[in-house]
Amino acid sequence: MRARVEAHRRTRAARRARDDGSRWYDVVDDGGCLNVFDGWVALVIVVGIVVAVLLFAFGGPVLLIGIDLVWFVLAFVVGAIGRFVFGRPWRVEAYGPSGERRDWYVRGFGDAGRLRDTLQAEFDAGLDPSPDIRS
C-alpha cells in the first residue's frame, strides 16, 4: 500500500511540475470581476443584447403592421380585379340643381365613362334623360 501512495505522490508532483500554474478561477481578477471578454467580444455581446431588446420592443408591432399592410394590399387587388376585370356594375349619378338625383348602372369602366359623357351632353342640350331608358 505504501508503494501505491508513493507512486501517487510522484505522479501528482510530476503533473504539478508540468502544469503552467493556471487554474479555473484565474479568470477572476482581484476585484471579483470576470476578465474573460476582450474588446470585440464584449462589443458583439452588447450589440446582440441591444438588438434583442429592440426586436422584443418593436419587432411584434412592426410584424403586425406588415401583416395589416399585406391584407390591405390583397383586399385592394381583389377589389380592383372584381371591379375592372369582371365588369362589376358602375353607378353613374346625376344631381340636378333642385337636389334631384338619378342613377344609371352600367357594366364596365369604359361604358361608364361613355355614358357619363353622353348624359352630360344631353343635360347641356336641355334634354331630360331618364334612368329607365338605359340600364
Protein backbone atom coordinates (compact mmCIF):
# COMPACT_ATOMS: atom_id res chain seq x y z
CA MET A 1 0.00 0.00 0.00
CA ARG A 2 2.83 2.36 0.84
CA ALA A 3 4.27 1.89 -2.65
CA ARG A 4 0.98 2.93 -4.23
CA VAL A 5 0.84 6.08 -2.10
CA GLU A 6 4.40 6.98 -3.06
CA ALA A 7 3.63 6.39 -6.75
CA HIS A 8 0.57 8.60 -6.48
CA ARG A 9 2.63 11.38 -4.85
CA ARG A 10 5.27 11.16 -7.57
CA THR A 11 2.58 11.31 -10.28
CA ARG A 12 0.96 14.36 -8.69
CA ALA A 13 4.33 16.08 -8.27
CA ALA A 14 5.20 15.42 -11.92
CA ARG A 15 1.81 16.73 -13.01
CA ARG A 16 2.32 19.91 -10.94
CA ALA A 17 5.78 20.42 -12.41
CA ARG A 18 4.36 20.10 -15.95
CA ASP A 19 1.40 22.38 -15.23
CA ASP A 20 1.66 26.07 -16.20
CA GLY A 21 0.09 27.03 -12.91
CA SER A 22 -3.24 28.30 -14.24
CA ARG A 23 -6.45 27.28 -12.56
CA TRP A 24 -10.12 27.69 -13.50
CA TYR A 25 -10.53 30.59 -11.09
CA ASP A 26 -7.66 32.59 -12.59
CA VAL A 27 -10.13 34.42 -14.88
CA VAL A 28 -11.48 36.23 -11.81
CA ASP A 29 -9.40 39.30 -11.05
CA ASP A 30 -8.71 40.76 -7.62
CA GLY A 31 -11.92 42.80 -7.62
CA GLY A 32 -14.06 39.71 -8.24
CA CYS A 33 -14.91 40.62 -11.84
CA LEU A 34 -14.56 38.22 -14.72
CA ASN A 35 -11.87 39.10 -17.21
CA VAL A 36 -12.97 36.73 -19.96
CA PHE A 37 -14.20 39.14 -22.63
CA ASP A 38 -11.76 41.17 -24.64
CA GLY A 39 -12.74 44.25 -26.68
CA TRP A 40 -14.53 42.91 -29.74
CA VAL A 41 -16.18 40.01 -27.94
CA ALA A 42 -17.72 42.40 -25.42
CA LEU A 43 -18.84 44.68 -28.26
CA VAL A 44 -20.55 41.78 -30.05
CA ILE A 45 -22.33 40.79 -26.84
CA VAL A 46 -23.51 44.36 -26.17
CA VAL A 47 -24.72 44.79 -29.76
CA GLY A 48 -26.52 41.44 -29.55
CA ILE A 49 -28.28 42.46 -26.34
CA VAL A 50 -29.31 45.83 -27.84
CA VAL A 51 -30.66 44.14 -30.99
CA ALA A 52 -32.56 41.59 -28.89
CA VAL A 53 -34.15 44.34 -26.78
CA LEU A 54 -35.10 46.35 -29.88
CA LEU A 55 -36.63 43.29 -31.55
CA PHE A 56 -38.54 42.48 -28.39
CA ALA A 57 -39.85 46.05 -28.10
CA PHE A 58 -40.54 46.85 -31.75
CA GLY A 59 -40.48 43.53 -33.63
CA GLY A 60 -44.04 42.49 -32.80
CA PRO A 61 -45.72 45.77 -33.71
CA VAL A 62 -43.72 46.06 -36.94
CA LEU A 63 -44.64 42.50 -37.84
CA LEU A 64 -48.33 43.16 -37.15
CA ILE A 65 -48.26 46.36 -39.22
CA GLY A 66 -46.68 44.38 -42.05
CA ILE A 67 -49.41 41.76 -41.86
CA ASP A 68 -52.07 44.51 -41.90
CA LEU A 69 -50.46 46.07 -44.97
CA VAL A 70 -50.41 42.72 -46.75
CA TRP A 71 -54.14 42.25 -46.05
CA PHE A 72 -54.87 45.81 -47.22
CA VAL A 73 -52.99 45.32 -50.49
CA LEU A 74 -54.65 41.94 -51.01
CA ALA A 75 -58.13 43.40 -50.46
CA PHE A 76 -57.34 46.28 -52.83
CA VAL A 77 -56.09 43.94 -55.57
CA VAL A 78 -59.08 41.61 -55.25
CA GLY A 79 -61.45 44.60 -55.32
CA ALA A 80 -59.73 46.05 -58.38
CA ILE A 81 -59.95 42.71 -60.16
CA GLY A 82 -63.64 42.45 -59.29
CA ARG A 83 -64.30 45.97 -60.48
CA PHE A 84 -62.26 46.11 -63.69
CA VAL A 85 -61.82 42.55 -64.93
CA PHE A 86 -65.18 41.03 -64.11
CA GLY A 87 -67.15 44.15 -65.08
CA ARG A 88 -68.96 44.84 -61.87
CA PRO A 89 -71.69 47.43 -62.50
CA TRP A 90 -70.69 51.06 -62.15
CA ARG A 91 -73.18 53.60 -60.89
CA VAL A 92 -73.33 56.91 -62.73
CA GLU A 93 -75.07 59.55 -60.60
CA ALA A 94 -76.54 62.81 -61.79
CA TYR A 95 -77.66 65.57 -59.42
CA GLY A 96 -79.95 68.35 -60.53
CA PRO A 97 -79.97 71.93 -59.25
CA SER A 98 -83.07 71.20 -57.15
CA GLY A 99 -81.34 68.27 -55.44
CA GLU A 100 -82.95 65.63 -57.62
CA ARG A 101 -80.78 62.53 -58.03
CA ARG A 102 -80.79 59.99 -60.84
CA ASP A 103 -78.79 56.76 -61.07
CA TRP A 104 -77.70 54.68 -64.06
CA TYR A 105 -75.95 51.32 -63.70
CA VAL A 106 -73.51 50.37 -66.44
CA ARG A 107 -71.20 47.39 -66.84
CA GLY A 108 -67.52 48.17 -67.28
CA PHE A 109 -65.27 51.15 -66.76
CA GLY A 110 -65.28 52.30 -70.39
CA ASP A 111 -69.08 52.16 -70.74
CA ALA A 112 -69.46 54.20 -67.55
CA GLY A 113 -67.23 56.93 -68.98
CA ARG A 114 -69.11 56.99 -72.28
CA LEU A 115 -72.49 57.14 -70.50
CA ARG A 116 -71.25 59.98 -68.32
CA ASP A 117 -70.19 61.97 -71.38
CA THR A 118 -73.48 61.24 -73.19
CA LEU A 119 -75.55 62.27 -70.16
CA GLN A 120 -73.55 65.47 -69.78
CA ALA A 121 -74.21 66.33 -73.42
CA GLU A 122 -77.93 65.58 -73.06
CA PHE A 123 -78.25 67.67 -69.89
CA ASP A 124 -76.36 70.54 -71.54
CA ALA A 125 -78.73 70.33 -74.55
CA GLY A 126 -81.72 70.69 -72.23
CA LEU A 127 -82.97 67.15 -72.64
CA ASP A 128 -84.29 65.15 -69.70
CA PRO A 129 -82.64 61.70 -69.76
CA SER A 130 -84.37 59.13 -67.60
CA PRO A 131 -82.67 56.30 -65.74
CA ASP A 132 -85.30 53.89 -67.03
CA ILE A 133 -84.08 54.27 -70.61
CA ARG A 134 -80.52 52.98 -70.01
CA SER A 135 -79.53 50.22 -67.68
